[in-house]
Amino acid sequence: MELELLKQQLKQLIVTECDKEDDISAEEILDDEPLFGRKSRINLDSLDALQLSQVFKKKFGIKIEGSKETRKHFQSINSISDFIMSEQ
């Protein structure tokens, strides 16, 4: 899978699956900006992380186990796409 296409898909999934359509568009999400925490414009929370891990498992066949693993891989679009690419 092409990396840029994957990043666009991830951004769109985040916006739609986490009900962020009213807050931000997929095009506005930067590849290296934080997705969680006080410094995040996207402002995802732990329930969003759980939802996304299920969606990513179904769509990309990856499994992320444990909260430490989730935090590590869900920091940004870049970290999620790197993980998915390494698992393919």
PDB file of N, CA and C in Angstrom:
ATOM      1  N   MET A   1       0.834  -1.183   0.000  1.00  0.00           N
ATOM      2  CA  MET A   1       0.000   0.000   0.000  1.00  0.00           C
ATOM      3  C   MET A   1       0.883   1.253   0.000  1.00  0.00           C
ATOM      4  N   GLU A   2       0.482   2.218  -0.761  1.00  0.00           N
ATOM      5  CA  GLU A   2       1.236   3.473  -0.824  1.00  0.00           C
ATOM      6  C   GLU A   2       1.053   4.251   0.478  1.00  0.00           C
ATOM      7  N   LEU A   3       2.144   4.794   0.995  1.00  0.00           N
ATOM      8  CA  LEU A   3       2.148   5.466   2.283  1.00  0.00           C
ATOM      9  C   LEU A   3       1.210   6.672   2.328  1.00  0.00           C
ATOM     10  N   GLU A   4       1.243   7.522   1.318  1.00  0.00           N
ATOM     11  CA  GLU A   4       0.393   8.727   1.326  1.00  0.00           C
ATOM     12  C   GLU A   4      -1.092   8.370   1.274  1.00  0.00           C
ATOM     13  N   LEU A   5      -1.431   7.349   0.516  1.00  0.00           N
ATOM     14  CA  LEU A   5      -2.821   6.891   0.453  1.00  0.00           C
ATOM     15  C   LEU A   5      -3.251   6.354   1.816  1.00  0.00           C
ATOM     16  N   LEU A   6      -2.382   5.596   2.463  1.00  0.00           N
ATOM     17  CA  LEU A   6      -2.670   5.076   3.793  1.00  0.00           C
ATOM     18  C   LEU A   6      -2.919   6.215   4.785  1.00  0.00           C
ATOM     19  N   LYS A   7      -2.085   7.228   4.753  1.00  0.00           N
ATOM     20  CA  LYS A   7      -2.246   8.367   5.669  1.00  0.00           C
ATOM     21  C   LYS A   7      -3.587   9.062   5.441  1.00  0.00           C
ATOM     22  N   GLN A   8      -3.981   9.226   4.190  1.00  0.00           N
ATOM     23  CA  GLN A   8      -5.275   9.850   3.898  1.00  0.00           C
ATOM     24  C   GLN A   8      -6.427   8.991   4.424  1.00  0.00           C
ATOM     25  N   GLN A   9      -6.305   7.667   4.255  1.00  0.00           N
ATOM     26  CA  GLN A   9      -7.339   6.767   4.769  1.00  0.00           C
ATOM     27  C   GLN A   9      -7.429   6.845   6.287  1.00  0.00           C
ATOM     28  N   LEU A  10      -6.285   6.898   6.960  1.00  0.00           N
ATOM     29  CA  LEU A  10      -6.264   6.990   8.417  1.00  0.00           C
ATOM     30  C   LEU A  10      -6.937   8.276   8.898  1.00  0.00           C
ATOM     31  N   LYS A  11      -6.622   9.380   8.260  1.00  0.00           N
ATOM     32  CA  LYS A  11      -7.220  10.664   8.631  1.00  0.00           C
ATOM     33  C   LYS A  11      -8.732  10.622   8.469  1.00  0.00           C
ATOM     34  N   GLN A  12      -9.193  10.065   7.360  1.00  0.00           N
ATOM     35  CA  GLN A  12     -10.631   9.982   7.117  1.00  0.00           C
ATOM     36  C   GLN A  12     -11.304   9.068   8.132  1.00  0.00           C
ATOM     37  N   LEU A  13     -10.666   7.940   8.466  1.00  0.00           N
ATOM     38  CA  LEU A  13     -11.221   7.033   9.467  1.00  0.00           C
ATOM     39  C   LEU A  13     -11.325   7.717  10.833  1.00  0.00           C
ATOM     40  N   ILE A  14     -10.310   8.473  11.199  1.00  0.00           N
ATOM     41  CA  ILE A  14     -10.331   9.182  12.481  1.00  0.00           C
ATOM     42  C   ILE A  14     -11.502  10.162  12.534  1.00  0.00           C
ATOM     43  N   VAL A  15     -11.673  10.920  11.481  1.00  0.00           N
ATOM     44  CA  VAL A  15     -12.753  11.918  11.448  1.00  0.00           C
ATOM     45  C   VAL A  15     -14.124  11.243  11.505  1.00  0.00           C
ATOM     46  N   THR A  16     -14.330  10.210  10.722  1.00  0.00           N
ATOM     47  CA  THR A  16     -15.653   9.582  10.667  1.00  0.00           C
ATOM     48  C   THR A  16     -15.922   8.670  11.861  1.00  0.00           C
ATOM     49  N   GLU A  17     -14.976   7.826  12.229  1.00  0.00           N
ATOM     50  CA  GLU A  17     -15.199   6.862  13.307  1.00  0.00           C
ATOM     51  C   GLU A  17     -15.257   7.518  14.683  1.00  0.00           C
ATOM     52  N   CYS A  18     -14.607   8.637  14.850  1.00  0.00           N
ATOM     53  CA  CYS A  18     -14.576   9.324  16.153  1.00  0.00           C
ATOM     54  C   CYS A  18     -15.510  10.529  16.182  1.00  0.00           C
ATOM     55  N   ASP A  19     -16.397  10.625  15.180  1.00  0.00           N
ATOM     56  CA  ASP A  19     -17.395  11.698  15.123  1.00  0.00           C
ATOM     57  C   ASP A  19     -16.780  13.090  15.256  1.00  0.00           C
ATOM     58  N   LYS A  20     -15.751  13.346  14.471  1.00  0.00           N
ATOM     59  CA  LYS A  20     -15.072  14.647  14.516  1.00  0.00           C
ATOM     60  C   LYS A  20     -15.418  15.531  13.321  1.00  0.00           C
ATOM     61  N   GLU A  21     -16.429  15.134  12.539  1.00  0.00           N
ATOM     62  CA  GLU A  21     -16.781  15.883  11.331  1.00  0.00           C
ATOM     63  C   GLU A  21     -17.065  17.356  11.606  1.00  0.00           C
ATOM     64  N   ASP A  22     -17.654  17.650  12.758  1.00  0.00           N
ATOM     65  CA  ASP A  22     -17.988  19.040  13.096  1.00  0.00           C
ATOM     66  C   ASP A  22     -16.784  19.816  13.617  1.00  0.00           C
ATOM     67  N   ASP A  23     -15.718  19.108  13.989  1.00  0.00           N
ATOM     68  CA  ASP A  23     -14.549  19.737  14.610  1.00  0.00           C
ATOM     69  C   ASP A  23     -13.384  19.969  13.657  1.00  0.00           C
ATOM     70  N   ILE A  24     -13.145  18.993  12.766  1.00  0.00           N
ATOM     71  CA  ILE A  24     -11.963  19.056  11.904  1.00  0.00           C
ATOM     72  C   ILE A  24     -12.196  18.186  10.669  1.00  0.00           C
ATOM     73  N   SER A  25     -11.594  18.561   9.559  1.00  0.00           N
ATOM     74  CA  SER A  25     -11.687  17.732   8.354  1.00  0.00           C
ATOM     75  C   SER A  25     -10.420  16.883   8.248  1.00  0.00           C
ATOM     76  N   ALA A  26     -10.514  15.809   7.500  1.00  0.00           N
ATOM     77  CA  ALA A  26      -9.356  14.925   7.312  1.00  0.00           C
ATOM     78  C   ALA A  26      -8.183  15.693   6.718  1.00  0.00           C
ATOM     79  N   GLU A  27      -8.469  16.635   5.833  1.00  0.00           N
ATOM     80  CA  GLU A  27      -7.418  17.403   5.164  1.00  0.00           C
ATOM     81  C   GLU A  27      -6.658  18.315   6.125  1.00  0.00           C
ATOM     82  N   GLU A  28      -7.285  18.684   7.230  1.00  0.00           N
ATOM     83  CA  GLU A  28      -6.657  19.578   8.198  1.00  0.00           C
ATOM     84  C   GLU A  28      -5.708  18.866   9.165  1.00  0.00           C
ATOM     85  N   ILE A  29      -5.792  17.551   9.238  1.00  0.00           N
ATOM     86  CA  ILE A  29      -4.943  16.799  10.161  1.00  0.00           C
ATOM     87  C   ILE A  29      -3.540  16.685   9.577  1.00  0.00           C
ATOM     88  N   LEU A  30      -2.557  17.120  10.346  1.00  0.00           N
ATOM     89  CA  LEU A  30      -1.158  17.032   9.921  1.00  0.00           C
ATOM     90  C   LEU A  30      -0.602  15.660  10.261  1.00  0.00           C
ATOM     91  N   ASP A  31       0.343  15.193   9.455  1.00  0.00           N
ATOM     92  CA  ASP A  31       0.896  13.848   9.643  1.00  0.00           C
ATOM     93  C   ASP A  31       1.617  13.669  10.972  1.00  0.00           C
ATOM     94  N   ASP A  32       2.230  14.742  11.486  1.00  0.00           N
ATOM     95  CA  ASP A  32       3.050  14.601  12.685  1.00  0.00           C
ATOM     96  C   ASP A  32       2.450  15.251  13.935  1.00  0.00           C
ATOM     97  N   GLU A  33       1.229  15.747  13.850  1.00  0.00           N
ATOM     98  CA  GLU A  33       0.645  16.385  15.031  1.00  0.00           C
ATOM     99  C   GLU A  33       0.080  15.329  15.986  1.00  0.00           C
ATOM    100  N   PRO A  34       0.074  15.648  17.290  1.00  0.00           N
ATOM    101  CA  PRO A  34      -0.448  14.691  18.274  1.00  0.00           C
ATOM    102  C   PRO A  34      -1.954  14.494  18.106  1.00  0.00           C
ATOM    103  N   LEU A  35      -2.383  13.247  18.245  1.00  0.00           N
ATOM    104  CA  LEU A  35      -3.804  12.938  18.130  1.00  0.00           C
ATOM    105  C   LEU A  35      -4.500  12.969  19.484  1.00  0.00           C
ATOM    106  N   PHE A  36      -3.728  12.797  20.565  1.00  0.00           N
ATOM    107  CA  PHE A  36      -4.261  12.750  21.931  1.00  0.00           C
ATOM    108  C   PHE A  36      -3.555  13.777  22.798  1.00  0.00           C
ATOM    109  N   GLY A  37      -4.187  14.120  23.903  1.00  0.00           N
ATOM    110  CA  GLY A  37      -3.540  14.964  24.893  1.00  0.00           C
ATOM    111  C   GLY A  37      -3.888  16.436  24.787  1.00  0.00           C
ATOM    112  N   ARG A  38      -3.340  17.197  25.722  1.00  0.00           N
ATOM    113  CA  ARG A  38      -3.645  18.633  25.811  1.00  0.00           C
ATOM    114  C   ARG A  38      -3.165  19.427  24.602  1.00  0.00           C
ATOM    115  N   LYS A  39      -2.101  18.960  23.949  1.00  0.00           N
ATOM    116  CA  LYS A  39      -1.551  19.691  22.812  1.00  0.00           C
ATOM    117  C   LYS A  39      -2.230  19.334  21.488  1.00  0.00           C
ATOM    118  N   SER A  40      -3.200  18.457  21.548  1.00  0.00           N
ATOM    119  CA  SER A  40      -3.863  17.976  20.336  1.00  0.00           C
ATOM    120  C   SER A  40      -5.040  18.849  19.930  1.00  0.00           C
ATOM    121  N   ARG A  41      -5.083  19.207  18.655  1.00  0.00           N
ATOM    122  CA  ARG A  41      -6.259  19.906  18.098  1.00  0.00           C
ATOM    123  C   ARG A  41      -7.406  18.921  17.869  1.00  0.00           C
ATOM    124  N   ILE A  42      -7.058  17.661  17.646  1.00  0.00           N
ATOM    125  CA  ILE A  42      -8.044  16.644  17.313  1.00  0.00           C
ATOM    126  C   ILE A  42      -8.750  16.148  18.573  1.00  0.00           C
ATOM    127  N   ASN A  43      -7.997  16.121  19.677  1.00  0.00           N
ATOM    128  CA  ASN A  43      -8.560  15.860  20.998  1.00  0.00           C
ATOM    129  C   ASN A  43      -9.241  14.501  21.112  1.00  0.00           C
ATOM    130  N   LEU A  44      -8.557  13.448  20.664  1.00  0.00           N
ATOM    131  CA  LEU A  44      -9.085  12.099  20.823  1.00  0.00           C
ATOM    132  C   LEU A  44      -8.911  11.650  22.261  1.00  0.00           C
ATOM    133  N   ASP A  45      -9.767  10.710  22.694  1.00  0.00           N
ATOM    134  CA  ASP A  45      -9.672  10.186  24.053  1.00  0.00           C
ATOM    135  C   ASP A  45      -9.526   8.663  24.017  1.00  0.00           C
ATOM    136  N   SER A  46      -9.543   8.045  25.194  1.00  0.00           N
ATOM    137  CA  SER A  46      -9.309   6.598  25.279  1.00  0.00           C
ATOM    138  C   SER A  46     -10.401   5.797  24.575  1.00  0.00           C
ATOM    139  N   LEU A  47     -11.630   6.284  24.598  1.00  0.00           N
ATOM    140  CA  LEU A  47     -12.698   5.586  23.871  1.00  0.00           C
ATOM    141  C   LEU A  47     -12.472   5.656  22.362  1.00  0.00           C
ATOM    142  N   ASP A  48     -11.964   6.780  21.897  1.00  0.00           N
ATOM    143  CA  ASP A  48     -11.613   6.903  20.480  1.00  0.00           C
ATOM    144  C   ASP A  48     -10.510   5.912  20.127  1.00  0.00           C
ATOM    145  N   ALA A  49      -9.516   5.766  21.005  1.00  0.00           N
ATOM    146  CA  ALA A  49      -8.415   4.834  20.762  1.00  0.00           C
ATOM    147  C   ALA A  49      -8.940   3.405  20.650  1.00  0.00           C
ATOM    148  N   LEU A  50      -9.853   3.038  21.519  1.00  0.00           N
ATOM    149  CA  LEU A  50     -10.448   1.703  21.474  1.00  0.00           C
ATOM    150  C   LEU A  50     -11.216   1.499  20.172  1.00  0.00           C
ATOM    151  N   GLN A  51     -12.020   2.487  19.804  1.00  0.00           N
ATOM    152  CA  GLN A  51     -12.783   2.418  18.551  1.00  0.00           C
ATOM    153  C   GLN A  51     -11.843   2.278  17.353  1.00  0.00           C
ATOM    154  N   LEU A  52     -10.808   3.099  17.320  1.00  0.00           N
ATOM    155  CA  LEU A  52      -9.866   3.063  16.198  1.00  0.00           C
ATOM    156  C   LEU A  52      -9.108   1.752  16.138  1.00  0.00           C
ATOM    157  N   SER A  53      -8.732   1.212  17.286  1.00  0.00           N
ATOM    158  CA  SER A  53      -7.997  -0.062  17.268  1.00  0.00           C
ATOM    159  C   SER A  53      -8.857  -1.162  16.660  1.00  0.00           C
ATOM    160  N   GLN A  54     -10.169  -1.138  16.928  1.00  0.00           N
ATOM    161  CA  GLN A  54     -11.076  -2.118  16.334  1.00  0.00           C
ATOM    162  C   GLN A  54     -11.210  -1.909  14.824  1.00  0.00           C
ATOM    163  N   VAL A  55     -11.335  -0.658  14.424  1.00  0.00           N
ATOM    164  CA  VAL A  55     -11.469  -0.342  12.993  1.00  0.00           C
ATOM    165  C   VAL A  55     -10.184  -0.730  12.243  1.00  0.00           C
ATOM    166  N   PHE A  56      -9.032  -0.409  12.819  1.00  0.00           N
ATOM    167  CA  PHE A  56      -7.758  -0.718  12.169  1.00  0.00           C
ATOM    168  C   PHE A  56      -7.543  -2.232  12.085  1.00  0.00           C
ATOM    169  N   LYS A  57      -7.976  -2.957  13.100  1.00  0.00           N
ATOM    170  CA  LYS A  57      -7.871  -4.420  13.079  1.00  0.00           C
ATOM    171  C   LYS A  57      -8.691  -4.984  11.924  1.00  0.00           C
ATOM    172  N   LYS A  58      -9.912  -4.488  11.785  1.00  0.00           N
ATOM    173  CA  LYS A  58     -10.811  -4.965  10.730  1.00  0.00           C
ATOM    174  C   LYS A  58     -10.314  -4.561   9.340  1.00  0.00           C
ATOM    175  N   LYS A  59      -9.907  -3.301   9.192  1.00  0.00           N
ATOM    176  CA  LYS A  59      -9.542  -2.777   7.869  1.00  0.00           C
ATOM    177  C   LYS A  59      -8.141  -3.177   7.424  1.00  0.00           C
ATOM    178  N   PHE A  60      -7.178  -3.186   8.363  1.00  0.00           N
ATOM    179  CA  PHE A  60      -5.781  -3.406   7.990  1.00  0.00           C
ATOM    180  C   PHE A  60      -5.203  -4.715   8.529  1.00  0.00           C
ATOM    181  N   GLY A  61      -5.982  -5.439   9.331  1.00  0.00           N
ATOM    182  CA  GLY A  61      -5.517  -6.715   9.857  1.00  0.00           C
ATOM    183  C   GLY A  61      -4.429  -6.594  10.909  1.00  0.00           C
ATOM    184  N   ILE A  62      -4.384  -5.473  11.609  1.00  0.00           N
ATOM    185  CA  ILE A  62      -3.373  -5.301  12.648  1.00  0.00           C
ATOM    186  C   ILE A  62      -4.038  -5.389  14.019  1.00  0.00           C
ATOM    187  N   LYS A  63      -3.271  -5.811  14.996  1.00  0.00           N
ATOM    188  CA  LYS A  63      -3.782  -5.897  16.355  1.00  0.00           C
ATOM    189  C   LYS A  63      -2.835  -5.151  17.270  1.00  0.00           C
ATOM    190  N   ILE A  64      -3.391  -4.232  18.027  1.00  0.00           N
ATOM    191  CA  ILE A  64      -2.607  -3.456  18.986  1.00  0.00           C
ATOM    192  C   ILE A  64      -3.085  -3.861  20.374  1.00  0.00           C
ATOM    193  N   GLU A  65      -2.170  -4.391  21.163  1.00  0.00           N
ATOM    194  CA  GLU A  65      -2.550  -4.895  22.480  1.00  0.00           C
ATOM    195  C   GLU A  65      -2.026  -3.995  23.591  1.00  0.00           C
ATOM    196  N   GLY A  66      -2.877  -3.745  24.574  1.00  0.00           N
ATOM    197  CA  GLY A  66      -2.464  -3.008  25.756  1.00  0.00           C
ATOM    198  C   GLY A  66      -2.410  -1.514  25.562  1.00  0.00           C
ATOM    199  N   SER A  67      -2.600  -0.797  26.653  1.00  0.00           N
ATOM    200  CA  SER A  67      -2.642   0.660  26.568  1.00  0.00           C
ATOM    201  C   SER A  67      -1.282   1.268  26.231  1.00  0.00           C
ATOM    202  N   LYS A  68      -0.186   0.661  26.694  1.00  0.00           N
ATOM    203  CA  LYS A  68       1.139   1.196  26.356  1.00  0.00           C
ATOM    204  C   LYS A  68       1.419   1.058  24.869  1.00  0.00           C
ATOM    205  N   GLU A  69       1.045  -0.077  24.289  1.00  0.00           N
ATOM    206  CA  GLU A  69       1.207  -0.280  22.851  1.00  0.00           C
ATOM    207  C   GLU A  69       0.353   0.716  22.075  1.00  0.00           C
ATOM    208  N   THR A  70      -0.880   0.891  22.528  1.00  0.00           N
ATOM    209  CA  THR A  70      -1.786   1.814  21.849  1.00  0.00           C
ATOM    210  C   THR A  70      -1.216   3.226  21.860  1.00  0.00           C
ATOM    211  N   ARG A  71      -0.787   3.683  23.034  1.00  0.00           N
ATOM    212  CA  ARG A  71      -0.221   5.036  23.134  1.00  0.00           C
ATOM    213  C   ARG A  71       0.985   5.208  22.226  1.00  0.00           C
ATOM    214  N   LYS A  72       1.828   4.209  22.198  1.00  0.00           N
ATOM    215  CA  LYS A  72       3.048   4.265  21.380  1.00  0.00           C
ATOM    216  C   LYS A  72       2.711   4.428  19.893  1.00  0.00           C
ATOM    217  N   HIS A  73       1.766   3.655  19.406  1.00  0.00           N
ATOM    218  CA  HIS A  73       1.453   3.654  17.975  1.00  0.00           C
ATOM    219  C   HIS A  73       0.436   4.714  17.561  1.00  0.00           C
ATOM    220  N   PHE A  74      -0.346   5.237  18.500  1.00  0.00           N
ATOM    221  CA  PHE A  74      -1.407   6.173  18.169  1.00  0.00           C
ATOM    222  C   PHE A  74      -1.015   7.627  18.410  1.00  0.00           C
ATOM    223  N   GLN A  75       0.250   7.935  18.486  1.00  0.00           N
ATOM    224  CA  GLN A  75       0.681   9.300  18.753  1.00  0.00           C
ATOM    225  C   GLN A  75       0.334  10.258  17.621  1.00  0.00           C
ATOM    226  N   SER A  76       0.506   9.809  16.377  1.00  0.00           N
ATOM    227  CA  SER A  76       0.282  10.665  15.214  1.00  0.00           C
ATOM    228  C   SER A  76      -0.077   9.801  14.011  1.00  0.00           C
ATOM    229  N   ILE A  77      -0.449  10.455  12.945  1.00  0.00           N
ATOM    230  CA  ILE A  77      -0.704   9.731  11.692  1.00  0.00           C
ATOM    231  C   ILE A  77       0.571   9.008  11.253  1.00  0.00           C
ATOM    232  N   ASN A  78       1.714   9.676  11.393  1.00  0.00           N
ATOM    233  CA  ASN A  78       2.984   9.037  11.015  1.00  0.00           C
ATOM    234  C   ASN A  78       3.237   7.761  11.806  1.00  0.00           C
ATOM    235  N   SER A  79       3.008   7.790  13.121  1.00  0.00           N
ATOM    236  CA  SER A  79       3.294   6.599  13.926  1.00  0.00           C
ATOM    237  C   SER A  79       2.313   5.467  13.621  1.00  0.00           C
ATOM    238  N   ILE A  80       1.062   5.792  13.362  1.00  0.00           N
ATOM    239  CA  ILE A  80       0.082   4.757  13.010  1.00  0.00           C
ATOM    240  C   ILE A  80       0.438   4.152  11.649  1.00  0.00           C
ATOM    241  N   SER A  81       0.736   4.997  10.679  1.00  0.00           N
ATOM    242  CA  SER A  81       1.045   4.481   9.330  1.00  0.00           C
ATOM    243  C   SER A  81       2.341   3.669   9.335  1.00  0.00           C
ATOM    244  N   ASP A  82       3.327   4.093  10.112  1.00  0.00           N
ATOM    245  CA  ASP A  82       4.567   3.314  10.227  1.00  0.00           C
ATOM    246  C   ASP A  82       4.286   1.930  10.792  1.00  0.00           C
ATOM    247  N   PHE A  83       3.454   1.878  11.812  1.00  0.00           N
ATOM    248  CA  PHE A  83       3.107   0.581  12.419  1.00  0.00           C
ATOM    249  C   PHE A  83       2.375  -0.311  11.420  1.00  0.00           C
ATOM    250  N   ILE A  84       1.389   0.231  10.743  1.00  0.00           N
ATOM    251  CA  ILE A  84       0.629  -0.567   9.766  1.00  0.00           C
ATOM    252  C   ILE A  84       1.545  -1.074   8.660  1.00  0.00           C
ATOM    253  N   MET A  85       2.404  -0.204   8.141  1.00  0.00           N
ATOM    254  CA  MET A  85       3.323  -0.608   7.076  1.00  0.00           C
ATOM    255  C   MET A  85       4.274  -1.710   7.559  1.00  0.00           C
ATOM    256  N   SER A  86       4.715  -1.640   8.809  1.00  0.00           N
ATOM    257  CA  SER A  86       5.649  -2.649   9.332  1.00  0.00           C
ATOM    258  C   SER A  86       4.957  -3.992   9.555  1.00  0.00           C
ATOM    259  N   GLU A  87       3.646  -3.982   9.700  1.00  0.00           N
ATOM    260  CA  GLU A  87       2.891  -5.207   9.944  1.00  0.00           C
ATOM    261  C   GLU A  87       2.391  -5.871   8.661  1.00  0.00           C
ATOM    262  N   GLN A  88       2.486  -5.183   7.548  1.00  0.00           N
ATOM    263  CA  GLN A  88       1.967  -5.709   6.271  1.00  0.00           C
ATOM    264  C   GLN A  88       2.923  -6.692   5.652  1.00  0.00           C
TER     265      GLN A  88
END
